[in-house]
């Protein structure tokens, strides 16, 4: 019995321009198993970030189909896809995307509040402690270093107990030492929470930590 939580079948993505159509992804098929960690790698412009946005339901393919947690994304409208993401998906981005006017604790609680939940402050504080920010809960993003802001973003991603975490260049803006720390935290959270990880990265150190490396070249899967 398959335990895949993501299944892409013959997925292509084309973008129309004023004079023609650009192919970003072509006939990509991929399965990700529950609890697995995969790294999407490739040169800039290869299509890996586009593939991640499709797998996460942030966009839909031009052709082909993607099943996310057993649901065909093309069969869902925007509202239903947003509800699925809110319920089961976490995101970490290169640029942190913290709200400047909110404290570290408030930023971590935000996804739960958006879902209409009161938010579990105790769990949020435990997650901040887990990423090494105990005692920094009341600090604003401007009072935190880049590495500390990314730790807040990681804690925020796990507050809703996501089944799948998508991370787009999570160490891209960090120095090597800080990136190594973030990688350790990321995989510790993955291990402790049993979360499936899909990472877009240029970082060989990060890619090598994953169960599987999927190389994208020219919009196609070159190796998986």
N, C-alpha and C. Protein backbone atom coordinates (compact mmCIF):
# COMPACT_ATOMS: atom_id res chain seq x y z
N UNK A 1 0.84 -1.20 0.00
CA UNK A 1 0.00 0.00 0.00
C UNK A 1 0.88 1.25 0.00
N UNK A 2 0.58 2.17 -0.93
CA UNK A 2 1.38 3.37 -1.06
C UNK A 2 1.16 4.29 0.13
N UNK A 3 2.25 4.88 0.60
CA UNK A 3 2.15 5.87 1.68
C UNK A 3 2.56 7.24 1.17
N UNK A 4 2.48 7.44 -0.15
CA UNK A 4 2.89 8.72 -0.72
C UNK A 4 1.94 9.82 -0.30
N UNK A 5 2.52 10.97 0.06
CA UNK A 5 1.72 12.13 0.44
C UNK A 5 1.70 13.16 -0.68
N UNK A 6 2.63 13.03 -1.62
CA UNK A 6 2.66 13.88 -2.82
C UNK A 6 2.86 12.97 -4.02
N UNK A 7 2.06 13.17 -5.04
CA UNK A 7 2.21 12.39 -6.27
C UNK A 7 1.96 13.31 -7.46
N UNK A 8 3.01 13.53 -8.24
CA UNK A 8 2.91 14.33 -9.46
C UNK A 8 3.00 13.40 -10.66
N UNK A 9 2.05 13.53 -11.59
CA UNK A 9 2.00 12.67 -12.77
C UNK A 9 2.01 13.52 -14.04
N UNK A 10 3.09 13.41 -14.80
CA UNK A 10 3.21 14.09 -16.11
C UNK A 10 2.87 15.57 -16.02
N UNK A 11 3.46 16.24 -15.04
CA UNK A 11 3.15 17.65 -14.80
C UNK A 11 3.98 18.56 -15.69
N UNK A 12 3.29 19.48 -16.37
CA UNK A 12 3.96 20.50 -17.17
C UNK A 12 3.42 21.87 -16.77
N UNK A 13 4.26 22.88 -16.92
CA UNK A 13 3.84 24.25 -16.63
C UNK A 13 4.35 25.15 -17.74
N UNK A 14 3.42 25.82 -18.41
CA UNK A 14 3.75 26.76 -19.47
C UNK A 14 3.23 28.14 -19.08
N UNK A 15 3.99 29.16 -19.42
CA UNK A 15 3.59 30.53 -19.13
C UNK A 15 3.53 31.29 -20.45
N UNK A 16 2.38 31.90 -20.71
CA UNK A 16 2.19 32.64 -21.96
C UNK A 16 2.87 34.00 -21.88
N UNK A 17 3.54 34.37 -22.97
CA UNK A 17 4.07 35.72 -23.12
C UNK A 17 3.26 36.42 -24.21
N UNK A 18 3.62 37.63 -24.53
CA UNK A 18 2.86 38.37 -25.55
C UNK A 18 3.01 37.73 -26.93
N UNK A 19 4.08 37.00 -27.15
CA UNK A 19 4.33 36.45 -28.49
C UNK A 19 4.41 34.93 -28.52
N UNK A 20 4.60 34.30 -27.38
CA UNK A 20 4.80 32.84 -27.40
C UNK A 20 4.47 32.25 -26.03
N UNK A 21 4.90 31.01 -25.83
CA UNK A 21 4.70 30.33 -24.55
C UNK A 21 6.03 29.77 -24.07
N UNK A 22 6.33 30.00 -22.79
CA UNK A 22 7.57 29.51 -22.21
C UNK A 22 7.29 28.24 -21.39
N UNK A 23 8.05 27.19 -21.65
CA UNK A 23 7.90 25.95 -20.89
C UNK A 23 8.83 25.99 -19.69
N UNK A 24 8.25 25.96 -18.47
CA UNK A 24 9.06 25.99 -17.26
C UNK A 24 9.30 24.58 -16.74
N UNK A 25 8.27 23.74 -16.81
CA UNK A 25 8.38 22.33 -16.43
C UNK A 25 7.77 21.47 -17.52
N UNK A 26 8.37 20.33 -17.76
CA UNK A 26 7.90 19.46 -18.84
C UNK A 26 7.83 18.01 -18.38
N UNK A 27 6.62 17.46 -18.28
CA UNK A 27 6.38 16.04 -18.06
C UNK A 27 7.10 15.51 -16.82
N UNK A 28 6.91 16.19 -15.70
CA UNK A 28 7.57 15.80 -14.45
C UNK A 28 6.66 14.84 -13.67
N UNK A 29 7.21 13.70 -13.30
CA UNK A 29 6.51 12.75 -12.44
C UNK A 29 7.37 12.49 -11.20
N UNK A 30 6.72 12.48 -10.04
CA UNK A 30 7.47 12.39 -8.78
C UNK A 30 6.53 11.93 -7.68
N UNK A 31 7.03 11.07 -6.79
CA UNK A 31 6.27 10.69 -5.60
C UNK A 31 7.13 10.93 -4.37
N UNK A 32 6.49 11.41 -3.31
CA UNK A 32 7.17 11.64 -2.04
C UNK A 32 6.41 10.86 -0.98
N UNK A 33 7.14 10.04 -0.24
CA UNK A 33 6.52 9.19 0.77
C UNK A 33 6.36 9.94 2.10
N UNK A 34 5.43 9.48 2.88
CA UNK A 34 5.20 10.06 4.21
C UNK A 34 6.46 9.98 5.06
N UNK A 35 6.86 11.09 5.65
CA UNK A 35 8.05 11.14 6.50
C UNK A 35 9.36 11.27 5.76
N UNK A 36 9.33 11.25 4.43
CA UNK A 36 10.55 11.33 3.63
C UNK A 36 11.03 12.78 3.55
N UNK A 37 12.33 12.95 3.37
CA UNK A 37 12.89 14.28 3.10
C UNK A 37 13.54 14.24 1.72
N UNK A 38 13.16 15.19 0.87
CA UNK A 38 13.77 15.26 -0.46
C UNK A 38 14.28 16.67 -0.71
N UNK A 39 15.36 16.74 -1.48
CA UNK A 39 15.93 18.03 -1.89
C UNK A 39 15.73 18.19 -3.39
N UNK A 40 15.13 19.31 -3.79
CA UNK A 40 15.03 19.66 -5.20
C UNK A 40 16.21 20.57 -5.53
N UNK A 41 17.09 20.10 -6.40
CA UNK A 41 18.31 20.86 -6.72
C UNK A 41 18.38 21.11 -8.22
N UNK A 42 19.21 22.07 -8.59
CA UNK A 42 19.40 22.43 -9.98
C UNK A 42 19.85 23.87 -10.08
N UNK A 43 20.31 24.26 -11.26
CA UNK A 43 20.79 25.63 -11.45
C UNK A 43 19.61 26.59 -11.40
N UNK A 44 19.89 27.88 -11.22
CA UNK A 44 18.84 28.89 -11.23
C UNK A 44 18.11 28.85 -12.56
N UNK A 45 16.78 28.88 -12.49
CA UNK A 45 15.99 28.83 -13.71
C UNK A 45 15.65 27.43 -14.18
N UNK A 46 16.08 26.41 -13.43
CA UNK A 46 15.82 25.03 -13.85
C UNK A 46 14.37 24.63 -13.67
N UNK A 47 13.66 25.34 -12.77
CA UNK A 47 12.25 25.04 -12.55
C UNK A 47 11.94 24.45 -11.19
N UNK A 48 12.95 24.38 -10.31
CA UNK A 48 12.73 23.70 -9.02
C UNK A 48 11.77 24.47 -8.10
N UNK A 49 11.88 25.80 -8.06
CA UNK A 49 10.96 26.57 -7.22
C UNK A 49 9.54 26.52 -7.78
N UNK A 50 9.42 26.54 -9.10
CA UNK A 50 8.09 26.39 -9.72
C UNK A 50 7.49 25.04 -9.36
N UNK A 51 8.30 23.99 -9.40
CA UNK A 51 7.81 22.66 -9.04
C UNK A 51 7.34 22.65 -7.59
N UNK A 52 8.09 23.29 -6.70
CA UNK A 52 7.68 23.33 -5.31
C UNK A 52 6.34 24.04 -5.14
N UNK A 53 6.13 25.16 -5.84
CA UNK A 53 4.87 25.87 -5.71
C UNK A 53 3.71 25.04 -6.23
N UNK A 54 3.96 24.23 -7.24
CA UNK A 54 2.91 23.35 -7.77
C UNK A 54 2.61 22.21 -6.79
N UNK A 55 3.66 21.60 -6.25
CA UNK A 55 3.48 20.49 -5.31
C UNK A 55 2.75 20.95 -4.05
N UNK A 56 2.96 22.22 -3.67
CA UNK A 56 2.34 22.76 -2.46
C UNK A 56 0.94 23.31 -2.71
N UNK A 57 0.49 23.30 -3.97
CA UNK A 57 -0.84 23.81 -4.26
C UNK A 57 -0.92 25.32 -4.29
N UNK A 58 0.21 26.01 -4.39
CA UNK A 58 0.20 27.46 -4.51
C UNK A 58 -0.13 27.88 -5.94
N UNK A 59 0.00 26.94 -6.88
CA UNK A 59 -0.33 27.16 -8.28
C UNK A 59 -0.76 25.81 -8.84
N UNK A 60 -1.37 25.80 -10.00
CA UNK A 60 -1.77 24.53 -10.59
C UNK A 60 -1.04 24.35 -11.93
N UNK A 61 -0.77 23.10 -12.32
CA UNK A 61 -0.03 22.86 -13.56
C UNK A 61 -0.87 23.15 -14.80
N UNK A 62 -0.19 23.39 -15.92
CA UNK A 62 -0.88 23.56 -17.20
C UNK A 62 -1.48 22.24 -17.65
N UNK A 63 -0.74 21.16 -17.41
CA UNK A 63 -1.24 19.82 -17.71
C UNK A 63 -0.65 18.84 -16.70
N UNK A 64 -1.23 17.65 -16.64
CA UNK A 64 -0.82 16.67 -15.65
C UNK A 64 -1.62 16.86 -14.37
N UNK A 65 -1.29 16.06 -13.37
CA UNK A 65 -2.05 16.11 -12.12
C UNK A 65 -1.12 15.97 -10.93
N UNK A 66 -1.49 16.63 -9.84
CA UNK A 66 -0.76 16.52 -8.58
C UNK A 66 -1.75 16.15 -7.49
N UNK A 67 -1.43 15.08 -6.77
CA UNK A 67 -2.21 14.72 -5.58
C UNK A 67 -1.41 15.13 -4.34
N UNK A 68 -2.05 15.89 -3.49
CA UNK A 68 -1.44 16.32 -2.23
C UNK A 68 -2.29 15.75 -1.11
N UNK A 69 -1.69 14.87 -0.33
CA UNK A 69 -2.40 14.20 0.77
C UNK A 69 -3.69 13.54 0.27
N UNK A 70 -3.58 12.92 -0.91
CA UNK A 70 -4.68 12.15 -1.46
C UNK A 70 -5.72 12.95 -2.22
N UNK A 71 -5.54 14.26 -2.33
CA UNK A 71 -6.51 15.10 -3.04
C UNK A 71 -5.89 15.67 -4.31
N UNK A 72 -6.63 15.54 -5.42
CA UNK A 72 -6.18 16.10 -6.68
C UNK A 72 -6.31 17.62 -6.63
N UNK A 73 -5.18 18.32 -6.74
CA UNK A 73 -5.20 19.77 -6.60
C UNK A 73 -5.97 20.45 -7.72
N UNK A 74 -5.94 19.88 -8.93
CA UNK A 74 -6.64 20.49 -10.05
C UNK A 74 -8.15 20.41 -9.88
N UNK A 75 -8.62 19.48 -9.04
CA UNK A 75 -10.06 19.33 -8.81
C UNK A 75 -10.57 20.27 -7.72
N UNK A 76 -9.65 20.98 -7.05
CA UNK A 76 -10.03 21.88 -5.97
C UNK A 76 -10.00 23.33 -6.46
N UNK A 77 -10.91 24.15 -5.94
CA UNK A 77 -10.84 25.57 -6.27
C UNK A 77 -9.83 26.26 -5.35
N UNK A 78 -9.62 27.54 -5.58
CA UNK A 78 -8.60 28.28 -4.81
C UNK A 78 -8.86 28.19 -3.32
N UNK A 79 -10.12 28.32 -2.93
CA UNK A 79 -10.47 28.32 -1.51
C UNK A 79 -10.19 26.96 -0.88
N UNK A 80 -10.50 25.89 -1.60
CA UNK A 80 -10.27 24.55 -1.06
C UNK A 80 -8.78 24.24 -0.97
N UNK A 81 -8.02 24.71 -1.95
CA UNK A 81 -6.56 24.50 -1.89
C UNK A 81 -5.97 25.29 -0.72
N UNK A 82 -6.46 26.51 -0.50
CA UNK A 82 -5.98 27.32 0.62
C UNK A 82 -6.30 26.64 1.95
N UNK A 83 -7.48 26.05 2.04
CA UNK A 83 -7.87 25.36 3.27
C UNK A 83 -6.98 24.15 3.52
N UNK A 84 -6.64 23.42 2.45
CA UNK A 84 -5.76 22.26 2.58
C UNK A 84 -4.37 22.69 3.05
N UNK A 85 -3.86 23.78 2.49
CA UNK A 85 -2.55 24.28 2.91
C UNK A 85 -2.57 24.71 4.36
N UNK A 86 -3.62 25.43 4.74
CA UNK A 86 -3.73 25.92 6.11
C UNK A 86 -3.79 24.77 7.11
N UNK A 87 -4.46 23.71 6.73
CA UNK A 87 -4.67 22.59 7.63
C UNK A 87 -3.45 21.69 7.76
N UNK A 88 -2.69 21.52 6.68
CA UNK A 88 -1.71 20.43 6.65
C UNK A 88 -0.31 20.79 6.19
N UNK A 89 -0.09 22.03 5.73
CA UNK A 89 1.17 22.39 5.09
C UNK A 89 1.87 23.51 5.86
N UNK A 90 3.20 23.40 5.98
CA UNK A 90 4.02 24.47 6.54
C UNK A 90 5.00 24.98 5.50
N UNK A 91 5.40 26.23 5.64
CA UNK A 91 6.31 26.85 4.68
C UNK A 91 7.44 27.58 5.41
N UNK A 92 8.65 27.48 4.84
CA UNK A 92 9.78 28.28 5.29
C UNK A 92 10.43 28.85 4.04
N UNK A 93 10.66 30.18 4.05
CA UNK A 93 11.21 30.83 2.88
C UNK A 93 12.57 31.46 3.19
N UNK A 94 13.31 31.74 2.13
CA UNK A 94 14.64 32.32 2.27
C UNK A 94 14.59 33.67 2.97
N UNK A 95 13.51 34.43 2.74
CA UNK A 95 13.43 35.80 3.25
C UNK A 95 12.70 35.92 4.59
N UNK A 96 12.47 34.78 5.26
CA UNK A 96 11.89 34.71 6.61
C UNK A 96 10.40 35.11 6.66
N UNK A 97 10.06 36.28 6.06
CA UNK A 97 8.66 36.75 5.99
C UNK A 97 8.01 36.86 7.37
N UNK A 98 8.76 37.37 8.34
CA UNK A 98 8.18 37.66 9.65
C UNK A 98 7.46 39.01 9.60
N UNK A 99 6.43 39.16 10.44
CA UNK A 99 5.71 40.43 10.54
C UNK A 99 6.50 41.34 11.47
N UNK A 100 7.01 42.49 10.97
CA UNK A 100 7.92 43.33 11.77
C UNK A 100 7.33 43.83 13.08
N UNK A 101 6.01 44.04 13.12
CA UNK A 101 5.40 44.62 14.31
C UNK A 101 5.03 43.58 15.37
N UNK A 102 5.25 42.30 15.06
CA UNK A 102 4.91 41.22 15.99
C UNK A 102 6.16 40.67 16.66
N UNK A 103 6.04 40.27 17.91
CA UNK A 103 7.15 39.64 18.61
C UNK A 103 7.42 38.26 18.04
N UNK A 104 8.52 37.66 18.45
CA UNK A 104 8.84 36.29 18.01
C UNK A 104 7.70 35.35 18.35
N UNK A 105 7.19 35.45 19.58
CA UNK A 105 6.09 34.58 20.01
C UNK A 105 4.84 34.81 19.16
N UNK A 106 4.51 36.07 18.90
CA UNK A 106 3.32 36.38 18.10
C UNK A 106 3.47 35.91 16.66
N UNK A 107 4.68 36.01 16.10
CA UNK A 107 4.92 35.52 14.76
C UNK A 107 4.72 34.00 14.68
N UNK A 108 5.18 33.28 15.70
CA UNK A 108 5.02 31.83 15.72
C UNK A 108 3.54 31.45 15.81
N UNK A 109 2.79 32.20 16.59
CA UNK A 109 1.37 31.92 16.80
C UNK A 109 0.50 32.29 15.60
N UNK A 110 1.01 33.12 14.70
CA UNK A 110 0.19 33.70 13.64
C UNK A 110 -0.55 32.67 12.77
N UNK A 111 0.11 31.59 12.28
CA UNK A 111 -0.63 30.63 11.44
C UNK A 111 -1.83 30.01 12.15
N UNK A 112 -1.71 29.73 13.44
CA UNK A 112 -2.83 29.17 14.19
C UNK A 112 -3.96 30.19 14.30
N UNK A 113 -3.61 31.45 14.51
CA UNK A 113 -4.62 32.50 14.63
C UNK A 113 -5.35 32.68 13.30
N UNK A 114 -4.59 32.64 12.18
CA UNK A 114 -5.19 32.76 10.85
C UNK A 114 -6.19 31.63 10.61
N UNK A 115 -5.91 30.47 11.17
CA UNK A 115 -6.81 29.33 11.03
C UNK A 115 -8.05 29.46 11.91
N UNK A 116 -8.12 30.53 12.67
CA UNK A 116 -9.29 30.74 13.52
C UNK A 116 -9.15 30.11 14.89
N UNK A 117 -7.93 29.67 15.22
CA UNK A 117 -7.68 29.07 16.51
C UNK A 117 -7.10 30.13 17.46
N UNK A 118 -7.27 29.90 18.72
CA UNK A 118 -6.75 30.85 19.70
C UNK A 118 -5.23 30.85 19.71
N UNK A 119 -4.64 29.70 19.42
CA UNK A 119 -3.19 29.60 19.43
C UNK A 119 -2.69 29.08 20.76
N UNK A 120 -1.81 28.14 20.71
CA UNK A 120 -1.28 27.50 21.91
C UNK A 120 0.05 28.17 22.28
N UNK A 121 -0.01 29.15 23.18
CA UNK A 121 1.19 29.91 23.54
C UNK A 121 2.24 29.01 24.18
N UNK A 122 1.79 28.01 24.95
CA UNK A 122 2.74 27.09 25.58
C UNK A 122 3.52 26.31 24.53
N UNK A 123 2.80 25.81 23.51
CA UNK A 123 3.47 25.07 22.43
C UNK A 123 4.41 26.01 21.66
N UNK A 124 3.97 27.24 21.41
CA UNK A 124 4.82 28.19 20.69
C UNK A 124 6.11 28.46 21.46
N UNK A 125 6.01 28.60 22.77
CA UNK A 125 7.21 28.82 23.58
C UNK A 125 8.10 27.60 23.60
N UNK A 126 7.50 26.41 23.58
CA UNK A 126 8.29 25.18 23.53
C UNK A 126 9.05 25.09 22.20
N UNK A 127 8.38 25.47 21.10
CA UNK A 127 9.05 25.44 19.80
C UNK A 127 10.18 26.46 19.75
N UNK A 128 9.96 27.66 20.30
CA UNK A 128 11.02 28.65 20.34
C UNK A 128 12.20 28.16 21.17
N UNK A 129 11.91 27.47 22.27
CA UNK A 129 12.99 26.89 23.07
C UNK A 129 13.72 25.80 22.28
N UNK A 130 12.96 25.03 21.50
CA UNK A 130 13.56 23.95 20.72
C UNK A 130 14.52 24.48 19.66
N UNK A 131 14.25 25.69 19.15
CA UNK A 131 15.15 26.28 18.16
C UNK A 131 16.15 27.23 18.81
N UNK A 132 16.26 27.20 20.13
CA UNK A 132 17.30 27.94 20.84
C UNK A 132 16.98 29.39 21.11
N UNK A 133 15.70 29.74 21.18
CA UNK A 133 15.33 31.14 21.40
C UNK A 133 14.57 31.35 22.70
N UNK A 134 14.81 30.48 23.66
CA UNK A 134 14.18 30.67 24.96
C UNK A 134 14.63 32.00 25.56
N UNK A 135 13.68 32.78 26.06
CA UNK A 135 14.00 34.09 26.59
C UNK A 135 13.97 35.21 25.57
N UNK A 136 13.74 34.85 24.29
CA UNK A 136 13.69 35.87 23.23
C UNK A 136 12.27 36.06 22.70
N UNK A 137 11.30 35.48 23.41
CA UNK A 137 9.91 35.45 22.91
C UNK A 137 9.35 36.84 22.63
N UNK A 138 9.76 37.84 23.41
CA UNK A 138 9.17 39.19 23.29
C UNK A 138 9.96 40.09 22.34
N UNK A 139 11.00 39.56 21.72
CA UNK A 139 11.82 40.37 20.82
C UNK A 139 11.13 40.53 19.46
N UNK A 140 11.25 41.72 18.89
CA UNK A 140 10.77 41.97 17.53
C UNK A 140 11.81 41.48 16.53
N UNK A 141 11.40 41.21 15.27
CA UNK A 141 12.36 40.75 14.27
C UNK A 141 13.60 41.64 14.13
N UNK A 142 13.42 42.97 14.27
CA UNK A 142 14.56 43.88 14.14
C UNK A 142 15.57 43.71 15.27
N UNK A 143 15.15 43.06 16.36
CA UNK A 143 16.04 42.81 17.49
C UNK A 143 16.70 41.44 17.42
N UNK A 144 16.48 40.74 16.31
CA UNK A 144 17.03 39.39 16.12
C UNK A 144 17.95 39.37 14.91
N UNK A 145 18.97 38.52 14.97
CA UNK A 145 19.86 38.35 13.82
C UNK A 145 19.14 37.58 12.72
N UNK A 146 19.75 37.50 11.55
CA UNK A 146 19.15 36.75 10.45
C UNK A 146 18.93 35.29 10.81
N UNK A 147 19.92 34.69 11.46
CA UNK A 147 19.79 33.30 11.86
C UNK A 147 18.68 33.10 12.88
N UNK A 148 18.55 34.07 13.79
CA UNK A 148 17.48 33.98 14.80
C UNK A 148 16.11 34.15 14.16
N UNK A 149 16.02 35.05 13.16
CA UNK A 149 14.76 35.23 12.46
C UNK A 149 14.35 33.95 11.72
N UNK A 150 15.34 33.26 11.13
CA UNK A 150 15.02 32.01 10.44
C UNK A 150 14.58 30.94 11.44
N UNK A 151 15.13 30.98 12.64
CA UNK A 151 14.68 30.03 13.68
C UNK A 151 13.22 30.30 14.05
N UNK A 152 12.86 31.58 14.14
CA UNK A 152 11.46 31.93 14.40
C UNK A 152 10.58 31.40 13.27
N UNK A 153 11.05 31.55 12.04
CA UNK A 153 10.29 31.07 10.89
C UNK A 153 10.10 29.55 10.94
N UNK A 154 11.13 28.83 11.40
CA UNK A 154 11.01 27.38 11.54
C UNK A 154 10.00 27.02 12.62
N UNK A 155 10.07 27.70 13.75
CA UNK A 155 9.10 27.44 14.82
C UNK A 155 7.69 27.74 14.34
N UNK A 156 7.54 28.83 13.61
CA UNK A 156 6.23 29.20 13.06
C UNK A 156 5.69 28.12 12.12
N UNK A 157 6.58 27.54 11.32
CA UNK A 157 6.16 26.53 10.35
C UNK A 157 5.62 25.28 11.04
N UNK A 158 6.08 25.01 12.25
CA UNK A 158 5.69 23.78 12.94
C UNK A 158 4.54 23.97 13.93
N UNK A 159 4.08 25.22 14.12
CA UNK A 159 3.07 25.48 15.16
C UNK A 159 1.76 24.76 14.87
N UNK A 160 1.42 24.58 13.60
CA UNK A 160 0.16 23.93 13.25
C UNK A 160 0.32 22.42 13.01
N UNK A 161 1.50 21.89 13.38
CA UNK A 161 1.79 20.45 13.22
C UNK A 161 1.55 19.99 11.79
N UNK A 162 2.26 20.60 10.82
CA UNK A 162 2.00 20.27 9.42
C UNK A 162 2.43 18.84 9.08
N UNK A 163 1.70 18.25 8.15
CA UNK A 163 2.08 16.93 7.65
C UNK A 163 3.26 17.04 6.70
N UNK A 164 3.33 18.17 5.97
CA UNK A 164 4.40 18.40 4.99
C UNK A 164 4.96 19.80 5.19
N UNK A 165 6.28 19.93 5.16
CA UNK A 165 6.93 21.23 5.23
C UNK A 165 7.67 21.48 3.92
N UNK A 166 7.33 22.60 3.28
CA UNK A 166 8.04 23.04 2.08
C UNK A 166 8.98 24.17 2.47
N UNK A 167 10.24 24.04 2.08
CA UNK A 167 11.23 25.06 2.43
C UNK A 167 11.99 25.47 1.17
N UNK A 168 11.91 26.77 0.83
CA UNK A 168 12.56 27.29 -0.38
C UNK A 168 13.82 28.05 0.02
N UNK A 169 14.97 27.44 -0.22
CA UNK A 169 16.27 28.02 0.12
C UNK A 169 16.31 28.51 1.57
N UNK A 170 16.02 27.63 2.54
CA UNK A 170 15.92 28.08 3.94
C UNK A 170 17.24 28.57 4.53
N UNK A 171 18.37 28.25 3.89
CA UNK A 171 19.66 28.71 4.40
C UNK A 171 20.33 29.70 3.44
N UNK A 172 19.58 30.15 2.44
CA UNK A 172 20.16 30.97 1.37
C UNK A 172 20.72 32.30 1.82
N UNK A 173 20.14 32.90 2.85
CA UNK A 173 20.58 34.23 3.31
C UNK A 173 21.49 34.17 4.54
N UNK A 174 21.97 32.97 4.86
CA UNK A 174 22.70 32.79 6.11
C UNK A 174 24.16 32.44 5.86
N UNK A 175 25.03 32.82 6.79
CA UNK A 175 26.43 32.42 6.69
C UNK A 175 26.55 30.92 6.97
N UNK A 176 27.70 30.35 6.66
CA UNK A 176 27.85 28.89 6.71
C UNK A 176 27.60 28.32 8.10
N UNK A 177 28.13 28.98 9.11
CA UNK A 177 27.96 28.47 10.47
C UNK A 177 26.49 28.50 10.88
N UNK A 178 25.83 29.64 10.62
CA UNK A 178 24.41 29.75 10.97
C UNK A 178 23.58 28.78 10.16
N UNK A 179 23.92 28.61 8.87
CA UNK A 179 23.20 27.66 8.02
C UNK A 179 23.30 26.25 8.58
N UNK A 180 24.47 25.87 9.06
CA UNK A 180 24.65 24.54 9.64
C UNK A 180 23.76 24.35 10.86
N UNK A 181 23.65 25.39 11.68
CA UNK A 181 22.78 25.33 12.86
C UNK A 181 21.32 25.16 12.45
N UNK A 182 20.89 25.94 11.45
CA UNK A 182 19.51 25.86 10.98
C UNK A 182 19.21 24.47 10.40
N UNK A 183 20.17 23.91 9.68
CA UNK A 183 19.98 22.56 9.11
C UNK A 183 19.77 21.54 10.23
N UNK A 184 20.58 21.64 11.27
CA UNK A 184 20.43 20.71 12.40
C UNK A 184 19.05 20.85 13.03
N UNK A 185 18.60 22.09 13.22
CA UNK A 185 17.29 22.33 13.82
C UNK A 185 16.19 21.79 12.91
N UNK A 186 16.32 22.04 11.61
CA UNK A 186 15.31 21.61 10.65
C UNK A 186 15.11 20.10 10.69
N UNK A 187 16.20 19.36 10.71
CA UNK A 187 16.08 17.90 10.70
C UNK A 187 15.72 17.34 12.08
N UNK A 188 16.07 18.07 13.13
CA UNK A 188 15.60 17.65 14.46
C UNK A 188 14.09 17.81 14.57
N UNK A 189 13.56 18.91 14.04
CA UNK A 189 12.12 19.12 14.03
C UNK A 189 11.44 18.07 13.16
N UNK A 190 12.04 17.78 12.01
CA UNK A 190 11.50 16.74 11.12
C UNK A 190 11.42 15.40 11.84
N UNK A 191 12.49 15.05 12.54
CA UNK A 191 12.54 13.77 13.25
C UNK A 191 11.53 13.74 14.40
N UNK A 192 11.46 14.81 15.16
CA UNK A 192 10.60 14.84 16.33
C UNK A 192 9.12 14.87 15.96
N UNK A 193 8.79 15.47 14.83
CA UNK A 193 7.39 15.66 14.46
C UNK A 193 6.94 14.73 13.33
N UNK A 194 7.87 13.98 12.72
CA UNK A 194 7.51 13.07 11.65
C UNK A 194 7.01 13.76 10.39
N UNK A 195 7.46 14.99 10.19
CA UNK A 195 6.99 15.79 9.07
C UNK A 195 7.75 15.45 7.78
N UNK A 196 7.02 15.35 6.68
CA UNK A 196 7.63 15.18 5.36
C UNK A 196 8.28 16.50 4.96
N UNK A 197 9.50 16.45 4.43
CA UNK A 197 10.22 17.66 4.03
C UNK A 197 10.44 17.70 2.53
N UNK A 198 10.12 18.83 1.92
CA UNK A 198 10.45 19.08 0.51
C UNK A 198 11.24 20.38 0.49
N UNK A 199 12.52 20.28 0.14
CA UNK A 199 13.43 21.43 0.22
C UNK A 199 13.93 21.81 -1.17
N UNK A 200 13.87 23.10 -1.49
CA UNK A 200 14.56 23.64 -2.65
C UNK A 200 15.85 24.25 -2.14
N UNK A 201 16.99 23.82 -2.69
CA UNK A 201 18.24 24.32 -2.13
C UNK A 201 19.39 24.28 -3.14
N UNK A 202 20.30 25.26 -2.99
CA UNK A 202 21.59 25.24 -3.67
C UNK A 202 22.68 24.72 -2.73
N UNK A 203 22.32 24.43 -1.50
CA UNK A 203 23.28 24.10 -0.45
C UNK A 203 23.57 22.60 -0.46
N UNK A 204 24.77 22.18 -0.89
CA UNK A 204 25.08 20.74 -0.96
C UNK A 204 24.99 20.07 0.41
N UNK A 205 25.38 20.80 1.46
CA UNK A 205 25.32 20.26 2.81
C UNK A 205 23.88 19.91 3.20
N UNK A 206 22.96 20.78 2.84
CA UNK A 206 21.55 20.55 3.14
C UNK A 206 21.00 19.41 2.28
N UNK A 207 21.32 19.41 1.00
CA UNK A 207 20.82 18.37 0.10
C UNK A 207 21.27 16.99 0.54
N UNK A 208 22.53 16.87 0.97
CA UNK A 208 23.08 15.57 1.36
C UNK A 208 22.42 15.01 2.61
N UNK A 209 21.79 15.87 3.41
CA UNK A 209 21.12 15.40 4.62
C UNK A 209 19.77 14.75 4.32
N UNK A 210 19.25 15.00 3.12
CA UNK A 210 17.93 14.49 2.75
C UNK A 210 17.99 13.02 2.36
N UNK A 211 16.86 12.35 2.45
CA UNK A 211 16.77 10.95 2.05
C UNK A 211 17.02 10.78 0.56
N UNK A 212 16.63 11.80 -0.21
CA UNK A 212 16.71 11.68 -1.67
C UNK A 212 16.94 13.05 -2.28
N UNK A 213 17.75 13.08 -3.33
CA UNK A 213 18.00 14.32 -4.08
C UNK A 213 17.36 14.19 -5.46
N UNK A 214 16.52 15.16 -5.79
CA UNK A 214 15.86 15.19 -7.10
C UNK A 214 16.45 16.35 -7.89
N UNK A 215 17.15 16.03 -8.99
CA UNK A 215 17.81 17.08 -9.78
C UNK A 215 16.90 17.49 -10.93
N UNK A 216 16.67 18.81 -11.02
CA UNK A 216 15.86 19.36 -12.09
C UNK A 216 16.79 20.05 -13.09
N UNK A 217 16.67 19.66 -14.35
CA UNK A 217 17.47 20.29 -15.41
C UNK A 217 16.55 20.63 -16.56
N UNK A 218 16.53 21.92 -16.95
CA UNK A 218 15.73 22.34 -18.07
C UNK A 218 14.25 22.01 -17.93
N UNK A 219 13.75 22.07 -16.69
CA UNK A 219 12.35 21.82 -16.46
C UNK A 219 11.95 20.36 -16.40
N UNK A 220 12.93 19.48 -16.38
CA UNK A 220 12.65 18.04 -16.34
C UNK A 220 13.44 17.39 -15.21
N UNK A 221 12.95 16.24 -14.73
CA UNK A 221 13.67 15.50 -13.69
C UNK A 221 14.82 14.76 -14.35
N UNK A 222 16.06 15.14 -14.00
CA UNK A 222 17.24 14.49 -14.57
C UNK A 222 17.68 13.30 -13.73
N UNK A 223 17.43 13.37 -12.43
CA UNK A 223 17.80 12.27 -11.52
C UNK A 223 16.95 12.38 -10.28
N UNK A 224 16.55 11.21 -9.75
CA UNK A 224 15.73 11.21 -8.54
C UNK A 224 16.05 9.96 -7.73
